[in-house]
Protein backbone atom coordinates (compact mmCIF):
# COMPACT_ATOMS: atom_id res chain seq x y z
CA MET A 1 73.10 38.29 60.33
CA ASN A 2 74.55 34.97 58.99
CA ALA A 3 78.09 35.36 58.07
CA SER A 4 77.42 33.58 54.59
CA CYS A 5 75.39 36.53 53.53
CA VAL A 6 77.80 39.52 54.41
CA ARG A 7 78.86 40.99 50.92
CA PRO A 8 82.84 41.02 50.79
CA SER A 9 84.87 43.60 49.50
CA PHE A 10 86.34 42.41 46.02
CA VAL A 11 90.08 43.33 44.73
CA SER A 12 90.41 43.83 41.13
CA HIS A 13 91.51 40.76 39.10
CA SER A 14 94.54 40.42 36.64
CA ASP A 15 95.50 38.30 33.60
CA ARG A 16 99.06 36.96 34.44
CA GLY A 17 99.37 35.97 30.75
CA GLY A 18 99.56 32.35 29.50
CA GLY A 19 97.13 29.76 30.39
CA ALA A 20 94.09 30.40 32.41
CA ARG A 21 93.15 34.02 33.85
CA ARG A 22 94.32 34.26 37.39
CA SER A 23 93.38 36.73 40.14
CA SER A 24 96.14 38.38 41.85
CA ARG A 25 96.07 35.95 44.48
CA GLY A 26 97.27 33.32 42.02
CA GLU A 27 94.10 31.39 41.66
CA PRO A 28 92.18 30.78 38.40
CA GLU A 29 89.40 33.40 37.30
CA PRO A 30 86.01 32.26 35.88
CA PRO A 31 85.44 32.63 32.34
CA SER A 32 83.26 35.52 31.07
CA PRO A 33 79.60 35.19 31.95
CA ASN A 34 78.70 34.24 28.48
CA SER A 35 80.83 31.31 28.11
CA ARG A 36 79.91 29.85 31.60
CA ALA A 37 76.80 27.59 30.40
CA ALA A 38 79.54 26.09 27.53
CA LYS A 39 79.25 22.71 29.24
CA THR A 40 78.11 19.15 27.79
CA ALA A 41 75.33 17.58 29.52
CA ALA A 42 77.75 15.01 30.98
CA GLN A 43 79.68 17.84 32.64
CA ARG A 44 76.59 19.52 34.07
CA ASP A 45 75.33 16.14 35.66
CA GLU A 46 78.74 15.98 37.10
CA VAL A 47 78.81 19.19 38.67
CA ARG A 48 75.43 18.88 40.00
CA ALA A 49 76.45 15.25 41.56
CA ARG A 50 79.52 16.87 43.15
CA VAL A 51 77.82 19.86 44.81
CA ARG A 52 75.14 17.93 46.39
CA ASP A 53 77.99 16.24 48.46
CA ASN A 54 78.11 19.42 50.41
CA ILE A 55 75.88 20.36 53.06
CA LEU A 56 75.67 23.84 52.06
CA PHE A 57 74.18 22.73 48.59
CA LYS A 58 72.19 19.67 49.26
CA ASP A 59 68.94 21.34 49.58
CA LEU A 60 69.24 23.95 46.88
CA ASP A 61 66.14 24.55 44.88
CA ALA A 62 66.28 23.91 40.88
CA ALA A 63 66.77 27.48 39.92
CA PRO A 64 69.98 28.42 42.32
CA LEU A 65 71.38 24.97 41.53
CA GLU A 66 71.29 25.30 37.84
CA GLU A 67 72.83 28.98 38.49
CA LEU A 68 75.55 27.37 40.16
CA VAL A 69 76.24 24.81 37.32
CA ASP A 70 76.16 27.51 34.95
CA ALA A 71 78.98 29.44 36.99
CA ALA A 72 81.27 26.41 37.75
CA PHE A 73 84.46 26.21 35.64
CA GLU A 74 86.97 23.56 35.18
CA VAL A 75 90.75 23.88 36.13
CA SER A 76 93.36 21.26 36.12
CA TYR A 77 96.67 20.88 38.10
CA PRO A 78 99.53 18.71 37.62
CA ALA A 79 100.94 16.49 40.47
CA GLY A 80 102.86 18.59 42.94
CA ALA A 81 101.01 21.98 42.12
CA VAL A 82 99.64 24.06 44.94
CA VAL A 83 95.98 24.87 44.64
CA ILE A 84 95.39 27.13 47.59
CA GLU A 85 98.16 28.32 50.07
CA GLN A 86 97.56 28.60 53.80
CA GLY A 87 97.12 32.34 55.02
CA ASP A 88 96.10 33.69 51.37
CA GLU A 89 92.93 35.19 50.92
CA GLY A 90 90.69 33.20 48.72
CA ASP A 91 89.07 33.38 45.29
CA ASN A 92 87.40 30.32 44.75
CA PHE A 93 85.42 27.47 46.24
CA TYR A 94 86.51 23.88 44.70
CA VAL A 95 85.21 20.39 44.27
CA VAL A 96 87.38 17.51 43.01
CA ALA A 97 86.29 15.63 40.11
CA ASP A 98 89.39 13.62 39.30
CA GLY A 99 92.52 13.03 41.16
CA VAL A 100 93.68 13.17 44.74
CA ALA A 101 94.88 16.23 46.83
CA ASP A 102 96.26 16.82 50.34
CA ALA A 103 95.17 19.61 52.71
CA ALA A 104 97.89 20.48 55.09
CA VAL A 105 98.55 23.06 58.01
CA ARG A 106 101.89 24.49 59.13
CA GLY A 107 103.39 23.62 62.32
CA LYS A 108 103.20 26.03 64.89
CA ILE A 109 106.85 26.42 65.41
CA ALA A 110 109.13 27.61 62.15
CA GLY A 111 110.59 24.88 60.45
CA ASP A 112 108.43 21.92 61.62
CA ALA A 113 106.71 20.01 58.80
CA PRO A 114 103.33 20.70 57.61
CA THR A 115 100.99 18.22 58.94
CA THR A 116 98.35 16.64 56.31
CA VAL A 117 94.88 17.10 57.86
CA GLN A 118 92.69 15.61 55.00
CA VAL A 119 93.31 13.60 52.11
CA LEU A 120 90.67 15.01 49.27
CA GLU A 121 89.35 12.36 46.81
CA PRO A 122 86.95 12.86 43.82
CA GLY A 123 83.52 14.43 45.29
CA ALA A 124 85.48 16.43 48.17
CA SER A 125 85.14 20.15 48.46
CA PHE A 126 87.61 22.63 50.10
CA GLY A 127 87.79 26.55 50.33
CA GLU A 128 84.33 27.14 51.57
CA LEU A 129 85.22 28.80 54.81
CA SER A 130 87.39 31.53 53.40
CA LEU A 131 84.67 32.66 51.10
CA MET A 132 81.81 32.48 53.86
CA TYR A 133 83.68 34.36 56.56
CA ASN A 134 86.22 36.62 54.32
CA SER A 135 89.31 34.93 56.21
CA PRO A 136 92.60 33.80 55.15
CA ARG A 137 92.91 30.08 53.76
CA ALA A 138 93.01 27.85 56.73
CA ALA A 139 95.32 24.87 55.02
CA THR A 140 97.66 24.58 52.10
CA VAL A 141 96.00 22.27 49.52
CA THR A 142 98.53 20.43 47.03
CA ALA A 143 97.88 17.96 43.99
CA ARG A 144 99.37 14.70 45.10
CA THR A 145 98.23 13.22 41.49
CA ALA A 146 97.17 15.06 38.27
CA CYS A 147 93.80 16.72 39.61
CA ARG A 148 90.81 18.26 37.97
CA LEU A 149 88.46 20.54 39.76
CA TRP A 150 85.18 22.34 39.26
CA ALA A 151 85.60 25.69 40.88
CA LEU A 152 82.85 28.61 42.00
CA ASP A 153 84.05 32.04 42.16
CA ARG A 154 83.75 34.05 45.68
CA GLU A 155 80.77 36.22 44.38
CA THR A 156 78.73 33.35 42.94
CA PHE A 157 79.44 30.98 45.88
CA ARG A 158 78.29 33.49 48.47
CA ASP A 159 75.08 34.65 46.69
CA ILE A 160 74.10 30.75 46.47
CA ALA A 161 75.31 29.93 49.86
CA CYS A 162 73.45 32.89 51.23
CA VAL A 163 70.25 31.36 49.94
CA SER A 164 71.05 28.08 50.98
CA SER A 165 72.13 29.01 54.38
CA GLN A 166 68.52 31.11 54.85
CA ARG A 167 66.55 27.97 53.36
CA THR A 168 68.45 25.60 56.07
CA ARG A 169 67.61 28.00 58.81
CA LYS A 170 63.87 28.31 58.04
CA THR A 171 63.79 24.39 57.71
CA ARG A 172 65.60 24.26 61.00
CA GLU A 173 63.25 26.79 62.65
CA GLY A 174 60.43 24.59 61.75
CA PHE A 175 62.15 21.82 63.26
CA LEU A 176 62.52 23.43 66.49
CA GLU A 177 58.89 24.76 66.52
CA ARG A 178 57.77 21.30 66.75
CA VAL A 179 60.03 20.30 69.83
CA PRO A 180 57.63 20.40 73.03
CA VAL A 181 60.57 21.38 75.36
CA LEU A 182 60.98 24.36 72.89
CA SER A 183 57.41 25.56 72.16
CA ALA A 184 57.75 28.66 74.14
CA LEU A 185 60.32 30.09 72.26
CA THR A 186 59.50 33.10 70.14
CA ALA A 187 60.21 33.24 66.39
CA ALA A 188 63.27 35.36 67.08
CA GLU A 189 64.40 33.12 69.67
CA ARG A 190 64.03 29.98 67.28
CA SER A 191 66.19 31.97 64.64
CA ARG A 192 68.99 32.59 67.14
CA VAL A 193 68.85 28.80 68.04
CA ALA A 194 68.95 27.72 64.55
CA ASP A 195 71.90 30.00 63.66
CA ALA A 196 73.96 28.10 66.34
CA ILE A 197 73.15 24.65 65.37
CA GLU A 198 76.05 22.50 64.51
CA THR A 199 75.94 19.62 61.96
CA LYS A 200 77.38 16.22 62.43
CA SER A 201 77.58 13.08 60.14
CA PHE A 202 77.48 9.60 60.77
CA ALA A 203 78.31 6.12 58.80
CA ARG A 204 76.12 3.55 58.89
CA GLY A 205 76.56 1.49 62.57
CA ASP A 206 77.97 4.64 64.37
CA ALA A 207 76.56 5.44 67.62
CA VAL A 208 75.15 9.02 67.91
CA VAL A 209 74.37 8.62 71.65
CA SER A 210 74.76 5.56 73.86
CA GLN A 211 72.73 4.24 76.60
CA GLY A 212 73.42 5.17 80.08
CA GLU A 213 75.76 8.23 79.11
CA ASP A 214 74.98 11.52 80.37
CA GLY A 215 72.78 13.64 77.92
CA ASP A 216 74.31 16.81 76.98
CA ALA A 217 72.86 17.45 73.52
CA PHE A 218 69.75 17.16 71.08
CA TYR A 219 69.50 15.81 67.71
CA ILE A 220 67.29 16.76 64.45
CA VAL A 221 67.86 14.10 61.69
CA GLU A 222 68.24 15.97 58.44
CA ARG A 223 69.32 13.27 56.24
CA GLY A 224 69.22 9.42 56.50
CA GLN A 225 67.97 7.26 59.14
CA ALA A 226 68.72 6.02 62.78
CA ALA A 227 67.33 3.62 65.23
CA ALA A 228 67.14 3.55 68.81
CA ALA A 229 67.44 0.29 70.70
CA ARG A 230 67.71 -0.85 74.52
CA GLU A 231 70.07 -2.74 75.55
CA GLY A 232 69.17 -6.55 76.60
CA VAL A 233 68.82 -6.97 80.45
CA ASP A 234 71.96 -9.57 79.89
CA ALA A 235 74.66 -10.50 77.58
CA ARG A 236 72.16 -13.41 76.30
CA GLU A 237 69.27 -11.02 75.16
CA ARG A 238 69.40 -9.05 72.08
CA ASP A 239 69.15 -5.38 71.89
CA VAL A 240 65.39 -4.29 71.26
CA GLU A 241 64.64 -1.66 68.66
CA VAL A 242 62.17 0.89 70.07
CA LYS A 243 61.91 3.69 67.41
CA ARG A 244 63.05 4.71 64.08
CA TYR A 245 64.02 8.43 63.06
CA VAL A 246 63.58 9.82 59.79
CA PRO A 247 64.31 13.38 58.54
CA GLY A 248 62.52 15.99 60.60
CA ASP A 249 62.62 13.67 63.75
CA TYR A 250 64.36 14.58 66.67
CA PHE A 251 65.58 12.61 69.97
CA GLY A 252 67.74 13.68 73.04
CA GLU A 253 65.66 16.78 73.57
CA LEU A 254 65.37 16.42 77.52
CA ALA A 255 69.18 16.78 77.44
CA LEU A 256 68.42 20.75 77.52
CA LEU A 257 66.83 20.08 80.96
CA THR A 258 68.65 17.80 82.59
CA GLU A 259 71.93 15.31 82.57
CA LYS A 260 69.61 12.45 82.97
CA ARG A 261 71.45 9.39 81.25
CA ARG A 262 70.32 8.19 77.88
CA ALA A 263 67.49 5.83 77.94
CA ALA A 264 68.75 4.16 74.80
CA THR A 265 71.46 3.80 72.03
CA VAL A 266 70.89 5.55 68.90
CA ARG A 267 72.77 4.26 65.84
CA ALA A 268 72.97 5.24 61.96
CA VAL A 269 70.80 2.84 60.08
CA SER A 270 71.66 4.58 56.75
CA ASP A 271 75.04 5.07 54.78
CA VAL A 272 74.98 8.36 55.83
CA LEU A 273 73.34 10.12 58.75
CA VAL A 274 73.36 13.87 58.97
CA CYS A 275 72.03 15.39 62.20
CA ALA A 276 71.33 18.92 63.37
CA VAL A 277 73.03 19.14 67.10
CA VAL A 278 71.94 21.68 69.45
CA SER A 279 73.92 21.54 73.04
CA ARG A 280 72.81 22.17 76.33
CA ALA A 281 75.92 24.63 76.84
CA THR A 282 75.22 26.54 73.43
CA PHE A 283 71.49 26.89 74.34
CA THR A 284 72.06 28.12 77.62
CA ARG A 285 74.64 30.56 76.36
CA LEU A 286 72.08 31.82 73.97
CA MET A 287 68.77 31.39 75.70
CA GLY A 288 69.56 31.07 79.43
CA SER A 289 67.88 28.20 81.51
CA CYS A 290 65.33 26.38 79.21
CA GLU A 291 63.51 25.48 82.09
CA THR A 292 62.68 29.15 82.86
CA ILE A 293 61.85 29.45 79.26
CA MET A 294 59.27 26.52 79.39
CA LYS A 295 57.52 27.98 82.41
CA ARG A 296 55.97 30.44 79.75
CA ASN A 297 53.69 27.61 78.83
CA ILE A 298 52.79 26.03 82.31
CA GLU A 299 50.96 23.23 81.00
CA SER A 300 53.39 22.20 78.55
CA TYR A 301 56.04 22.39 81.48
CA LYS A 302 54.17 20.21 83.63
CA GLU A 303 53.57 17.51 80.99
CA ILE A 304 57.40 17.30 80.22
CA MET A 305 58.30 17.08 84.07
CA MET A 306 56.04 14.20 84.27
CA THR A 307 58.15 12.78 81.34
CA LEU A 308 61.05 13.37 83.07
CA GLY A 309 59.68 11.27 85.69
CA GLY A 310 59.49 8.25 83.30
CA VAL A 311 61.84 6.59 80.67
CA GLY A 312 62.07 9.90 78.53
CA SER A 313 63.77 10.42 75.25
CA ALA A 314 66.95 8.71 74.04
């Protein structure tokens, strides 16, 4: 079962008195269900916009998205205040509305200064891993300036993240079913591969794969666009675009079969490109040899082996 769908055990919450109600771990508690929807239209729009930036929630249907908006509650911290502490259990998921915060991890040796690992600006989110996997906070987040945050309590976050992750899995299973190299997988096998997919993001102009490098993974475009181009014969010739990729398209799938060098360079041509990634190492660990699986469908296997004799996929 996907880790985000495992229901955690809950501790009782206590009111420490003064200001917002806080849990026994020090994080703010959500308001009562009857007051959750008390937001202005502008506030609801802000919450929607902010959570859409998180990969977990970008594909939510209208109903669970509105449930999330209803449940979100606003909290504020002055500069220097600690929002979450490394090693603590987590109560909430957070999205920065205004202000700047720093995420830092402790040094491995006692006395070492903490290392800042991320600067959290408006739109950034944090705290999801502790809630999804029921694990301690991996970093301490401290408000660098006065901060206003939108928070989502553990139970609501996990319920909605579970729905979202199941939807994402189904979408990815559909993508995998269309890849000829993987056409012989059973539904259960596709599900296992879908659960192991990693997500990578690229900015406009970033190279996803480069012509001539060894192939070790294949990519499915989930958001944005990418373009494949072949380098000119010499420095005087311009690179030639040979293919454009949009959401649902894939490239590099032959890397599951061979270490053949990439035939083209693929770059992000949108402001943000998000790809689902399956490495050959991960696939082999889960499923064994891709070639063995393909031989279940001998005609497809022969066709793809002929492709390997030609240019192949990027």
